[in-house]
């Protein structure tokens, strides 16, 4: 069963409380999303670590219920 965009947003915000999250359904199938995550907690850490923080917030759903996520992270 595909994952809803609102569920992705809720998970990311639970793991990164100050995050501003924007989700785009890339294929219209609920399986392929793009996410833009803006958080002050990303300041001063490498982009790969920023992405890891988002994946941690998703709690292991990547590759399972959430098939593909094109991720962009930045600071405010």
PDB file of N, CA and C in Angstrom:
ATOM      1  N   UNK A   1       0.843  -1.188   0.000  1.00  0.00           N
ATOM      2  CA  UNK A   1       0.000   0.000   0.000  1.00  0.00           C
ATOM      3  C   UNK A   1       0.885   1.247   0.000  1.00  0.00           C
ATOM      4  N   UNK A   2       0.628   2.187  -0.903  1.00  0.00           N
ATOM      5  CA  UNK A   2       1.433   3.401  -0.968  1.00  0.00           C
ATOM      6  C   UNK A   2       1.326   4.233   0.306  1.00  0.00           C
ATOM      7  N   UNK A   3       2.280   5.092   0.494  1.00  0.00           N
ATOM      8  CA  UNK A   3       2.318   5.964   1.655  1.00  0.00           C
ATOM      9  C   UNK A   3       1.804   7.348   1.247  1.00  0.00           C
ATOM     10  N   UNK A   4       0.928   7.930   2.047  1.00  0.00           N
ATOM     11  CA  UNK A   4       0.374   9.250   1.741  1.00  0.00           C
ATOM     12  C   UNK A   4       1.394  10.342   2.047  1.00  0.00           C
ATOM     13  N   UNK A   5       1.345  11.409   1.253  1.00  0.00           N
ATOM     14  CA  UNK A   5       2.252  12.534   1.451  1.00  0.00           C
ATOM     15  C   UNK A   5       2.129  13.096   2.864  1.00  0.00           C
ATOM     16  N   UNK A   6       0.911  13.192   3.387  1.00  0.00           N
ATOM     17  CA  UNK A   6       0.710  13.722   4.740  1.00  0.00           C
ATOM     18  C   UNK A   6       1.403  12.862   5.791  1.00  0.00           C
ATOM     19  N   UNK A   7       1.444  11.549   5.565  1.00  0.00           N
ATOM     20  CA  UNK A   7       2.135  10.651   6.496  1.00  0.00           C
ATOM     21  C   UNK A   7       3.642  10.890   6.464  1.00  0.00           C
ATOM     22  N   UNK A   8       4.180  11.120   5.284  1.00  0.00           N
ATOM     23  CA  UNK A   8       5.610  11.403   5.157  1.00  0.00           C
ATOM     24  C   UNK A   8       5.942  12.696   5.894  1.00  0.00           C
ATOM     25  N   UNK A   9       5.127  13.723   5.677  1.00  0.00           N
ATOM     26  CA  UNK A   9       5.333  15.007   6.348  1.00  0.00           C
ATOM     27  C   UNK A   9       5.291  14.826   7.866  1.00  0.00           C
ATOM     28  N   UNK A  10       4.306  14.100   8.357  1.00  0.00           N
ATOM     29  CA  UNK A  10       4.162  13.895   9.800  1.00  0.00           C
ATOM     30  C   UNK A  10       5.376  13.173  10.390  1.00  0.00           C
ATOM     31  N   UNK A  11       5.876  12.162   9.699  1.00  0.00           N
ATOM     32  CA  UNK A  11       7.036  11.421  10.182  1.00  0.00           C
ATOM     33  C   UNK A  11       8.281  12.306  10.226  1.00  0.00           C
ATOM     34  N   UNK A  12       8.488  13.077   9.165  1.00  0.00           N
ATOM     35  CA  UNK A  12       9.664  13.944   9.122  1.00  0.00           C
ATOM     36  C   UNK A  12       9.582  14.993  10.227  1.00  0.00           C
ATOM     37  N   UNK A  13       8.406  15.594  10.401  1.00  0.00           N
ATOM     38  CA  UNK A  13       8.242  16.614  11.449  1.00  0.00           C
ATOM     39  C   UNK A  13       8.365  16.023  12.846  1.00  0.00           C
ATOM     40  N   UNK A  14       7.979  14.778  13.019  1.00  0.00           N
ATOM     41  CA  UNK A  14       8.138  14.130  14.327  1.00  0.00           C
ATOM     42  C   UNK A  14       9.616  13.945  14.650  1.00  0.00           C
ATOM     43  N   UNK A  15      10.410  13.621  13.627  1.00  0.00           N
ATOM     44  CA  UNK A  15      11.841  13.394  13.830  1.00  0.00           C
ATOM     45  C   UNK A  15      12.667  14.668  13.800  1.00  0.00           C
ATOM     46  N   UNK A  16      12.178  15.675  13.080  1.00  0.00           N
ATOM     47  CA  UNK A  16      12.877  16.964  12.944  1.00  0.00           C
ATOM     48  C   UNK A  16      11.817  18.045  13.181  1.00  0.00           C
ATOM     49  N   UNK A  17      11.542  18.358  14.452  1.00  0.00           N
ATOM     50  CA  UNK A  17      10.384  19.198  14.798  1.00  0.00           C
ATOM     51  C   UNK A  17      10.318  20.568  14.130  1.00  0.00           C
ATOM     52  N   UNK A  18      11.469  21.173  13.816  1.00  0.00           N
ATOM     53  CA  UNK A  18      11.415  22.509  13.207  1.00  0.00           C
ATOM     54  C   UNK A  18      11.349  22.455  11.684  1.00  0.00           C
ATOM     55  N   UNK A  19      11.240  21.268  11.124  1.00  0.00           N
ATOM     56  CA  UNK A  19      11.303  21.111   9.668  1.00  0.00           C
ATOM     57  C   UNK A  19      10.099  21.710   8.954  1.00  0.00           C
ATOM     58  N   UNK A  20      10.402  22.399   7.854  1.00  0.00           N
ATOM     59  CA  UNK A  20       9.382  22.778   6.886  1.00  0.00           C
ATOM     60  C   UNK A  20       9.503  21.741   5.779  1.00  0.00           C
ATOM     61  N   UNK A  21       8.411  21.069   5.474  1.00  0.00           N
ATOM     62  CA  UNK A  21       8.453  19.958   4.527  1.00  0.00           C
ATOM     63  C   UNK A  21       7.480  20.207   3.381  1.00  0.00           C
ATOM     64  N   UNK A  22       7.985  20.036   2.168  1.00  0.00           N
ATOM     65  CA  UNK A  22       7.164  20.159   0.968  1.00  0.00           C
ATOM     66  C   UNK A  22       7.302  18.846   0.191  1.00  0.00           C
ATOM     67  N   UNK A  23       6.177  18.202  -0.094  1.00  0.00           N
ATOM     68  CA  UNK A  23       6.178  16.907  -0.783  1.00  0.00           C
ATOM     69  C   UNK A  23       5.504  17.046  -2.145  1.00  0.00           C
ATOM     70  N   UNK A  24       6.108  16.437  -3.159  1.00  0.00           N
ATOM     71  CA  UNK A  24       5.527  16.381  -4.501  1.00  0.00           C
ATOM     72  C   UNK A  24       5.433  14.920  -4.910  1.00  0.00           C
ATOM     73  N   UNK A  25       4.246  14.492  -5.344  1.00  0.00           N
ATOM     74  CA  UNK A  25       4.058  13.134  -5.862  1.00  0.00           C
ATOM     75  C   UNK A  25       4.511  13.149  -7.322  1.00  0.00           C
ATOM     76  N   UNK A  26       5.653  12.548  -7.599  1.00  0.00           N
ATOM     77  CA  UNK A  26       6.278  12.632  -8.921  1.00  0.00           C
ATOM     78  C   UNK A  26       5.553  11.844 -10.004  1.00  0.00           C
ATOM     79  N   UNK A  27       4.963  10.711  -9.630  1.00  0.00           N
ATOM     80  CA  UNK A  27       4.370   9.842 -10.649  1.00  0.00           C
ATOM     81  C   UNK A  27       2.856   9.699 -10.495  1.00  0.00           C
ATOM     82  N   UNK A  28       2.289  10.305  -9.458  1.00  0.00           N
ATOM     83  CA  UNK A  28       0.851  10.183  -9.231  1.00  0.00           C
ATOM     84  C   UNK A  28       0.438   8.833  -8.697  1.00  0.00           C
ATOM     85  N   UNK A  29       1.428   8.039  -8.261  1.00  0.00           N
ATOM     86  CA  UNK A  29       1.124   6.679  -7.813  1.00  0.00           C
ATOM     87  C   UNK A  29       1.285   6.488  -6.304  1.00  0.00           C
ATOM     88  N   UNK A  30       1.626   7.563  -5.574  1.00  0.00           N
ATOM     89  CA  UNK A  30       1.820   7.442  -4.130  1.00  0.00           C
ATOM     90  C   UNK A  30       3.049   6.644  -3.765  1.00  0.00           C
ATOM     91  N   UNK A  31       3.932   6.440  -4.714  1.00  0.00           N
ATOM     92  CA  UNK A  31       5.112   5.605  -4.503  1.00  0.00           C
ATOM     93  C   UNK A  31       6.419   6.344  -4.769  1.00  0.00           C
ATOM     94  N   UNK A  32       6.354   7.401  -5.547  1.00  0.00           N
ATOM     95  CA  UNK A  32       7.547   8.143  -5.952  1.00  0.00           C
ATOM     96  C   UNK A  32       7.351   9.615  -5.620  1.00  0.00           C
ATOM     97  N   UNK A  33       8.078  10.066  -4.618  1.00  0.00           N
ATOM     98  CA  UNK A  33       7.917  11.427  -4.129  1.00  0.00           C
ATOM     99  C   UNK A  33       9.219  12.210  -4.223  1.00  0.00           C
ATOM    100  N   UNK A  34       9.065  13.532  -4.249  1.00  0.00           N
ATOM    101  CA  UNK A  34      10.178  14.449  -4.032  1.00  0.00           C
ATOM    102  C   UNK A  34       9.859  15.177  -2.733  1.00  0.00           C
ATOM    103  N   UNK A  35      10.860  15.348  -1.890  1.00  0.00           N
ATOM    104  CA  UNK A  35      10.667  16.062  -0.637  1.00  0.00           C
ATOM    105  C   UNK A  35      11.714  17.154  -0.511  1.00  0.00           C
ATOM    106  N   UNK A  36      11.267  18.339  -0.139  1.00  0.00           N
ATOM    107  CA  UNK A  36      12.170  19.420   0.209  1.00  0.00           C
ATOM    108  C   UNK A  36      12.005  19.636   1.706  1.00  0.00           C
ATOM    109  N   UNK A  37      13.113  19.507   2.430  1.00  0.00           N
ATOM    110  CA  UNK A  37      13.080  19.638   3.881  1.00  0.00           C
ATOM    111  C   UNK A  37      14.014  20.780   4.277  1.00  0.00           C
ATOM    112  N   UNK A  38      13.448  21.776   4.955  1.00  0.00           N
ATOM    113  CA  UNK A  38      14.209  22.936   5.398  1.00  0.00           C
ATOM    114  C   UNK A  38      14.235  22.907   6.923  1.00  0.00           C
ATOM    115  N   UNK A  39      15.451  22.915   7.499  1.00  0.00           N
ATOM    116  CA  UNK A  39      15.572  22.858   8.955  1.00  0.00           C
ATOM    117  C   UNK A  39      16.841  23.540   9.420  1.00  0.00           C
ATOM    118  N   UNK A  40      16.735  24.274  10.495  1.00  0.00           N
ATOM    119  CA  UNK A  40      17.902  24.904  11.106  1.00  0.00           C
ATOM    120  C   UNK A  40      18.875  23.840  11.628  1.00  0.00           C
ATOM    121  N   UNK A  41      18.370  22.656  11.978  1.00  0.00           N
ATOM    122  CA  UNK A  41      19.240  21.594  12.512  1.00  0.00           C
ATOM    123  C   UNK A  41      20.243  21.099  11.471  1.00  0.00           C
ATOM    124  N   UNK A  42      20.012  21.418  10.196  1.00  0.00           N
ATOM    125  CA  UNK A  42      20.941  21.009   9.144  1.00  0.00           C
ATOM    126  C   UNK A  42      22.170  21.911   9.058  1.00  0.00           C
ATOM    127  N   UNK A  43      22.114  23.070   9.709  1.00  0.00           N
ATOM    128  CA  UNK A  43      23.207  24.042   9.587  1.00  0.00           C
ATOM    129  C   UNK A  43      24.526  23.433  10.076  1.00  0.00           C
ATOM    130  N   UNK A  44      25.547  23.522   9.212  1.00  0.00           N
ATOM    131  CA  UNK A  44      26.885  23.096   9.589  1.00  0.00           C
ATOM    132  C   UNK A  44      27.147  21.604   9.479  1.00  0.00           C
ATOM    133  N   UNK A  45      26.151  20.824   9.019  1.00  0.00           N
ATOM    134  CA  UNK A  45      26.407  19.386   8.849  1.00  0.00           C
ATOM    135  C   UNK A  45      26.377  19.047   7.354  1.00  0.00           C
ATOM    136  N   UNK A  46      27.177  18.068   6.941  1.00  0.00           N
ATOM    137  CA  UNK A  46      27.244  17.709   5.513  1.00  0.00           C
ATOM    138  C   UNK A  46      25.888  17.243   4.978  1.00  0.00           C
ATOM    139  N   UNK A  47      25.682  17.472   3.691  1.00  0.00           N
ATOM    140  CA  UNK A  47      24.402  17.109   3.062  1.00  0.00           C
ATOM    141  C   UNK A  47      24.065  15.627   3.253  1.00  0.00           C
ATOM    142  N   UNK A  48      25.055  14.760   3.163  1.00  0.00           N
ATOM    143  CA  UNK A  48      24.772  13.328   3.333  1.00  0.00           C
ATOM    144  C   UNK A  48      24.215  13.059   4.729  1.00  0.00           C
ATOM    145  N   UNK A  49      24.723  13.765   5.735  1.00  0.00           N
ATOM    146  CA  UNK A  49      24.213  13.599   7.101  1.00  0.00           C
ATOM    147  C   UNK A  49      22.811  14.199   7.232  1.00  0.00           C
ATOM    148  N   UNK A  50      22.553  15.289   6.512  1.00  0.00           N
ATOM    149  CA  UNK A  50      21.203  15.872   6.505  1.00  0.00           C
ATOM    150  C   UNK A  50      20.202  14.842   5.980  1.00  0.00           C
ATOM    151  N   UNK A  51      20.572  14.180   4.892  1.00  0.00           N
ATOM    152  CA  UNK A  51      19.695  13.171   4.292  1.00  0.00           C
ATOM    153  C   UNK A  51      19.509  12.000   5.258  1.00  0.00           C
ATOM    154  N   UNK A  52      20.577  11.592   5.931  1.00  0.00           N
ATOM    155  CA  UNK A  52      20.470  10.499   6.895  1.00  0.00           C
ATOM    156  C   UNK A  52      19.487  10.848   8.004  1.00  0.00           C
ATOM    157  N   UNK A  53      19.483  12.101   8.451  1.00  0.00           N
ATOM    158  CA  UNK A  53      18.547  12.526   9.501  1.00  0.00           C
ATOM    159  C   UNK A  53      17.102  12.387   9.023  1.00  0.00           C
ATOM    160  N   UNK A  54      16.855  12.718   7.750  1.00  0.00           N
ATOM    161  CA  UNK A  54      15.507  12.570   7.212  1.00  0.00           C
ATOM    162  C   UNK A  54      15.137  11.084   7.134  1.00  0.00           C
ATOM    163  N   UNK A  55      16.056  10.259   6.636  1.00  0.00           N
ATOM    164  CA  UNK A  55      15.779   8.819   6.552  1.00  0.00           C
ATOM    165  C   UNK A  55      15.531   8.221   7.932  1.00  0.00           C
ATOM    166  N   UNK A  56      16.284   8.674   8.939  1.00  0.00           N
ATOM    167  CA  UNK A  56      16.067   8.212  10.313  1.00  0.00           C
ATOM    168  C   UNK A  56      14.659   8.587  10.779  1.00  0.00           C
ATOM    169  N   UNK A  57      14.221   9.801  10.442  1.00  0.00           N
ATOM    170  CA  UNK A  57      12.880  10.240  10.821  1.00  0.00           C
ATOM    171  C   UNK A  57      11.808   9.366  10.164  1.00  0.00           C
ATOM    172  N   UNK A  58      12.102   8.849   8.973  1.00  0.00           N
ATOM    173  CA  UNK A  58      11.154   7.982   8.269  1.00  0.00           C
ATOM    174  C   UNK A  58      11.132   6.565   8.841  1.00  0.00           C
ATOM    175  N   UNK A  59      12.014   6.286   9.759  1.00  0.00           N
ATOM    176  CA  UNK A  59      11.964   5.035  10.516  1.00  0.00           C
ATOM    177  C   UNK A  59      12.047   3.764   9.706  1.00  0.00           C
ATOM    178  N   UNK A  60      12.925   3.715   8.720  1.00  0.00           N
ATOM    179  CA  UNK A  60      13.117   2.468   7.981  1.00  0.00           C
ATOM    180  C   UNK A  60      12.079   2.190   6.916  1.00  0.00           C
ATOM    181  N   UNK A  61      11.245   3.170   6.600  1.00  0.00           N
ATOM    182  CA  UNK A  61      10.211   2.942   5.580  1.00  0.00           C
ATOM    183  C   UNK A  61      10.746   3.071   4.154  1.00  0.00           C
ATOM    184  N   UNK A  62      11.927   3.674   3.992  1.00  0.00           N
ATOM    185  CA  UNK A  62      12.510   3.797   2.653  1.00  0.00           C
ATOM    186  C   UNK A  62      12.786   2.417   2.070  1.00  0.00           C
ATOM    187  N   UNK A  63      12.410   2.242   0.817  1.00  0.00           N
ATOM    188  CA  UNK A  63      12.644   0.965   0.151  1.00  0.00           C
ATOM    189  C   UNK A  63      11.563  -0.054   0.451  1.00  0.00           C
ATOM    190  N   UNK A  64      10.725   0.247   1.436  1.00  0.00           N
ATOM    191  CA  UNK A  64       9.611  -0.638   1.767  1.00  0.00           C
ATOM    192  C   UNK A  64       8.316   0.014   1.312  1.00  0.00           C
ATOM    193  N   UNK A  65       7.552   0.507   2.287  1.00  0.00           N
ATOM    194  CA  UNK A  65       6.285   1.168   1.985  1.00  0.00           C
ATOM    195  C   UNK A  65       6.514   2.462   1.199  1.00  0.00           C
ATOM    196  N   UNK A  66       7.667   3.072   1.371  1.00  0.00           N
ATOM    197  CA  UNK A  66       8.032   4.271   0.613  1.00  0.00           C
ATOM    198  C   UNK A  66       9.119   3.881  -0.368  1.00  0.00           C
ATOM    199  N   UNK A  67       8.729   3.753  -1.640  1.00  0.00           N
ATOM    200  CA  UNK A  67       9.628   3.188  -2.641  1.00  0.00           C
ATOM    201  C   UNK A  67      10.751   4.135  -3.051  1.00  0.00           C
ATOM    202  N   UNK A  68      10.401   5.376  -3.380  1.00  0.00           N
ATOM    203  CA  UNK A  68      11.414   6.299  -3.880  1.00  0.00           C
ATOM    204  C   UNK A  68      11.153   7.701  -3.348  1.00  0.00           C
ATOM    205  N   UNK A  69      12.230   8.338  -2.894  1.00  0.00           N
ATOM    206  CA  UNK A  69      12.135   9.704  -2.380  1.00  0.00           C
ATOM    207  C   UNK A  69      13.318  10.506  -2.895  1.00  0.00           C
ATOM    208  N   UNK A  70      13.023  11.479  -3.747  1.00  0.00           N
ATOM    209  CA  UNK A  70      14.032  12.414  -4.234  1.00  0.00           C
ATOM    210  C   UNK A  70      14.124  13.507  -3.171  1.00  0.00           C
ATOM    211  N   UNK A  71      15.261  13.613  -2.522  1.00  0.00           N
ATOM    212  CA  UNK A  71      15.384  14.438  -1.328  1.00  0.00           C
ATOM    213  C   UNK A  71      16.254  15.671  -1.564  1.00  0.00           C
ATOM    214  N   UNK A  72      15.736  16.821  -1.143  1.00  0.00           N
ATOM    215  CA  UNK A  72      16.497  18.068  -1.134  1.00  0.00           C
ATOM    216  C   UNK A  72      16.437  18.589   0.298  1.00  0.00           C
ATOM    217  N   UNK A  73      17.607  18.886   0.869  1.00  0.00           N
ATOM    218  CA  UNK A  73      17.652  19.436   2.223  1.00  0.00           C
ATOM    219  C   UNK A  73      18.413  20.749   2.205  1.00  0.00           C
ATOM    220  N   UNK A  74      17.986  21.658   3.071  1.00  0.00           N
ATOM    221  CA  UNK A  74      18.643  22.970   3.156  1.00  0.00           C
ATOM    222  C   UNK A  74      18.336  23.622   4.500  1.00  0.00           C
ATOM    223  N   UNK A  75      19.037  24.710   4.772  1.00  0.00           N
ATOM    224  CA  UNK A  75      18.770  25.485   5.979  1.00  0.00           C
ATOM    225  C   UNK A  75      17.912  26.692   5.599  1.00  0.00           C
ATOM    226  N   UNK A  76      17.210  27.263   6.573  1.00  0.00           N
ATOM    227  CA  UNK A  76      16.375  28.434   6.276  1.00  0.00           C
ATOM    228  C   UNK A  76      17.203  29.620   5.800  1.00  0.00           C
TER     229      UNK A  76
END
